[in-house]
Amino acid sequence: MILCECGEFIKKSTFKDYISTSQNPSTRTIGHEKCGLIFNFVDDNVSKKYSSRKRLKILAMKFAEKNDMERELIGKFLLEIDRLKSCGNMSDQKIILEAYRRVWIS
C-alpha cells in the first residue's frame, strides 16, 4: 500500500506506465489513476508527505478503516501516531506503517 501525495492510499487504482530512470530509459512503473502521479521506485523518488497532526490522524483513520482494524486497537494506533509524529521528521507513510507494526506486535 502506497500513500500518494494527494493523501489517498493506493492499492488497486493504478495504471501502468514507462518512465526514464537512472538504470534504463524505459522502466515499467505505476501511476495513481485519481491524480495522475507516476512513481519512480528505481531511483527511490517516492514522494514523502509531511502533514499536520490533524491531517495525519485523518489519514491514519482511513488506513485503519481500509485494514478493518478492531476498535480496541484504533486508540492505541492513534496514540502511536502521536508519539511517532513528536519524535522526529518521519514521512506520513513511515509513521503510519511503523505505528501499525507496533500495535500489531504488542
C-alpha atoms as a PDB file:
ATOM      1  CA  MET A   1       0.000   0.000   0.000  1.00  0.00           C
ATOM      2  CA  ILE A   2       1.381   3.392  -1.031  1.00  0.00           C
ATOM      3  CA  LEU A   3       0.453   6.807   0.347  1.00  0.00           C
ATOM      4  CA  CYS A   4       0.089   9.193  -2.599  1.00  0.00           C
ATOM      5  CA  GLU A   5       0.812  12.931  -2.489  1.00  0.00           C
ATOM      6  CA  CYS A   6      -2.918  13.555  -2.886  1.00  0.00           C
ATOM      7  CA  GLY A   7      -3.468  11.904   0.529  1.00  0.00           C
ATOM      8  CA  GLU A   8      -5.033   8.622  -0.573  1.00  0.00           C
ATOM      9  CA  PHE A   9      -3.768   5.116  -0.028  1.00  0.00           C
ATOM     10  CA  ILE A  10      -3.244   3.344  -3.320  1.00  0.00           C
ATOM     11  CA  LYS A  11      -3.969  -0.329  -3.549  1.00  0.00           C
ATOM     12  CA  LYS A  12      -5.790  -1.041  -6.799  1.00  0.00           C
ATOM     13  CA  SER A  13      -6.484   2.250  -8.572  1.00  0.00           C
ATOM     14  CA  THR A  14      -3.274   2.368 -10.616  1.00  0.00           C
ATOM     15  CA  PHE A  15      -2.235   2.438 -14.238  1.00  0.00           C
ATOM     16  CA  LYS A  16       0.920   1.091 -15.862  1.00  0.00           C
ATOM     17  CA  ASP A  17       3.422   3.411 -17.493  1.00  0.00           C
ATOM     18  CA  TYR A  18       7.030   3.572 -18.648  1.00  0.00           C
ATOM     19  CA  ILE A  19       9.436   6.267 -17.436  1.00  0.00           C
ATOM     20  CA  SER A  20      13.093   7.097 -17.849  1.00  0.00           C
ATOM     21  CA  THR A  21      15.227   6.209 -14.797  1.00  0.00           C
ATOM     22  CA  SER A  22      18.928   6.157 -13.995  1.00  0.00           C
ATOM     23  CA  GLN A  23      19.082   2.444 -14.876  1.00  0.00           C
ATOM     24  CA  ASN A  24      17.019   2.317 -18.054  1.00  0.00           C
ATOM     25  CA  PRO A  25      15.449   4.810 -20.467  1.00  0.00           C
ATOM     26  CA  SER A  26      12.208   2.795 -20.421  1.00  0.00           C
ATOM     27  CA  THR A  27      11.400   1.420 -16.954  1.00  0.00           C
ATOM     28  CA  ARG A  28       7.979  -0.023 -16.163  1.00  0.00           C
ATOM     29  CA  THR A  29       6.193   1.609 -13.229  1.00  0.00           C
ATOM     30  CA  ILE A  30       2.726   2.522 -11.930  1.00  0.00           C
ATOM     31  CA  GLY A  31       0.769   5.726 -11.513  1.00  0.00           C
ATOM     32  CA  HIS A  32      -2.249   6.789  -9.460  1.00  0.00           C
ATOM     33  CA  GLU A  33      -5.429   6.992 -11.556  1.00  0.00           C
ATOM     34  CA  LYS A  34      -7.063   9.717  -9.444  1.00  0.00           C
ATOM     35  CA  CYS A  35      -4.313  12.345  -9.517  1.00  0.00           C
ATOM     36  CA  GLY A  36      -2.014  11.046 -12.273  1.00  0.00           C
ATOM     37  CA  LEU A  37       1.149  10.912 -10.150  1.00  0.00           C
ATOM     38  CA  ILE A  38       3.707   8.461 -11.568  1.00  0.00           C
ATOM     39  CA  PHE A  39       6.003   6.688  -9.096  1.00  0.00           C
ATOM     40  CA  ASN A  40       9.737   6.225  -9.657  1.00  0.00           C
ATOM     41  CA  PHE A  41      10.665   3.293  -7.395  1.00  0.00           C
ATOM     42  CA  VAL A  42      14.017   2.628  -9.085  1.00  0.00           C
ATOM     43  CA  ASP A  43      15.622   5.944  -8.134  1.00  0.00           C
ATOM     44  CA  ASP A  44      13.814   5.993  -4.763  1.00  0.00           C
ATOM     45  CA  ASN A  45      11.966   9.154  -5.736  1.00  0.00           C
ATOM     46  CA  VAL A  46       8.750   8.161  -3.958  1.00  0.00           C
ATOM     47  CA  SER A  47       7.199  11.322  -2.603  1.00  0.00           C
ATOM     48  CA  LYS A  48       7.438  11.890   1.106  1.00  0.00           C
ATOM     49  CA  LYS A  49       4.435  13.691   2.503  1.00  0.00           C
ATOM     50  CA  TYR A  50       4.691  15.563   5.821  1.00  0.00           C
ATOM     51  CA  SER A  51       1.257  16.512   7.122  1.00  0.00           C
ATOM     52  CA  SER A  52      -0.005  18.326  10.167  1.00  0.00           C
ATOM     53  CA  ARG A  53      -1.003  16.270  13.192  1.00  0.00           C
ATOM     54  CA  LYS A  54      -4.704  16.660  12.365  1.00  0.00           C
ATOM     55  CA  ARG A  55      -4.271  15.602   8.703  1.00  0.00           C
ATOM     56  CA  LEU A  56      -2.068  12.679   9.751  1.00  0.00           C
ATOM     57  CA  LYS A  57      -4.766  11.383  12.103  1.00  0.00           C
ATOM     58  CA  ILE A  58      -7.339  11.606   9.301  1.00  0.00           C
ATOM     59  CA  LEU A  59      -5.011   9.535   7.089  1.00  0.00           C
ATOM     60  CA  ALA A  60      -4.465   7.090   9.955  1.00  0.00           C
ATOM     61  CA  MET A  61      -8.222   6.602  10.366  1.00  0.00           C
ATOM     62  CA  LYS A  62      -8.598   5.950   6.616  1.00  0.00           C
ATOM     63  CA  PHE A  63      -5.793   3.405   6.911  1.00  0.00           C
ATOM     64  CA  ALA A  64      -7.471   1.751   9.920  1.00  0.00           C
ATOM     65  CA  GLU A  65     -10.793   1.526   8.068  1.00  0.00           C
ATOM     66  CA  LYS A  66      -9.210   0.037   4.940  1.00  0.00           C
ATOM     67  CA  ASN A  67      -7.433  -2.591   7.046  1.00  0.00           C
ATOM     68  CA  ASP A  68     -10.518  -3.435   9.155  1.00  0.00           C
ATOM     69  CA  MET A  69      -8.683  -2.603  12.366  1.00  0.00           C
ATOM     70  CA  GLU A  70     -10.523  -3.550  15.547  1.00  0.00           C
ATOM     71  CA  ARG A  71     -11.973  -0.690  17.586  1.00  0.00           C
ATOM     72  CA  GLU A  72      -9.849  -1.561  20.613  1.00  0.00           C
ATOM     73  CA  LEU A  73      -6.665  -1.163  18.566  1.00  0.00           C
ATOM     74  CA  ILE A  74      -7.593   2.126  16.905  1.00  0.00           C
ATOM     75  CA  GLY A  75      -6.982   4.110  20.122  1.00  0.00           C
ATOM     76  CA  LYS A  76      -3.551   2.534  20.555  1.00  0.00           C
ATOM     77  CA  PHE A  77      -2.826   3.115  16.886  1.00  0.00           C
ATOM     78  CA  LEU A  78      -3.646   6.839  17.105  1.00  0.00           C
ATOM     79  CA  LEU A  79      -1.538   7.146  20.273  1.00  0.00           C
ATOM     80  CA  GLU A  80       1.423   5.629  18.431  1.00  0.00           C
ATOM     81  CA  ILE A  81       0.812   8.048  15.557  1.00  0.00           C
ATOM     82  CA  ASP A  82       1.094  10.948  18.035  1.00  0.00           C
ATOM     83  CA  ARG A  83       4.254   9.555  19.605  1.00  0.00           C
ATOM     84  CA  LEU A  84       5.990   8.984  16.280  1.00  0.00           C
ATOM     85  CA  LYS A  85       4.970  12.412  14.944  1.00  0.00           C
ATOM     86  CA  SER A  86       6.508  14.020  18.047  1.00  0.00           C
ATOM     87  CA  CYS A  87       9.757  12.054  17.824  1.00  0.00           C
ATOM     88  CA  GLY A  88      11.183  13.380  14.622  1.00  0.00           C
ATOM     89  CA  ASN A  89      10.961  14.072  10.961  1.00  0.00           C
ATOM     90  CA  MET A  90       9.440  10.880   9.519  1.00  0.00           C
ATOM     91  CA  SER A  91       7.188  10.919   6.472  1.00  0.00           C
ATOM     92  CA  ASP A  92       3.486  10.213   6.889  1.00  0.00           C
ATOM     93  CA  GLN A  93       3.749   6.797   5.278  1.00  0.00           C
ATOM     94  CA  LYS A  94       6.599   5.716   7.578  1.00  0.00           C
ATOM     95  CA  ILE A  95       4.746   6.966  10.670  1.00  0.00           C
ATOM     96  CA  ILE A  96       1.535   5.128   9.769  1.00  0.00           C
ATOM     97  CA  LEU A  97       3.265   1.857   8.883  1.00  0.00           C
ATOM     98  CA  GLU A  98       5.506   1.934  11.967  1.00  0.00           C
ATOM     99  CA  ALA A  99       2.525   2.662  14.245  1.00  0.00           C
ATOM    100  CA  TYR A 100       0.614  -0.191  12.621  1.00  0.00           C
ATOM    101  CA  ARG A 101       3.559  -2.543  13.161  1.00  0.00           C
ATOM    102  CA  ARG A 102       3.920  -1.518  16.843  1.00  0.00           C
ATOM    103  CA  VAL A 103       0.211  -2.019  17.557  1.00  0.00           C
ATOM    104  CA  TRP A 104       0.102  -5.472  15.971  1.00  0.00           C
ATOM    105  CA  ILE A 105       3.302  -6.699  17.660  1.00  0.00           C
ATOM    106  CA  SER A 106       2.245  -5.709  21.183  1.00  0.00           C
END
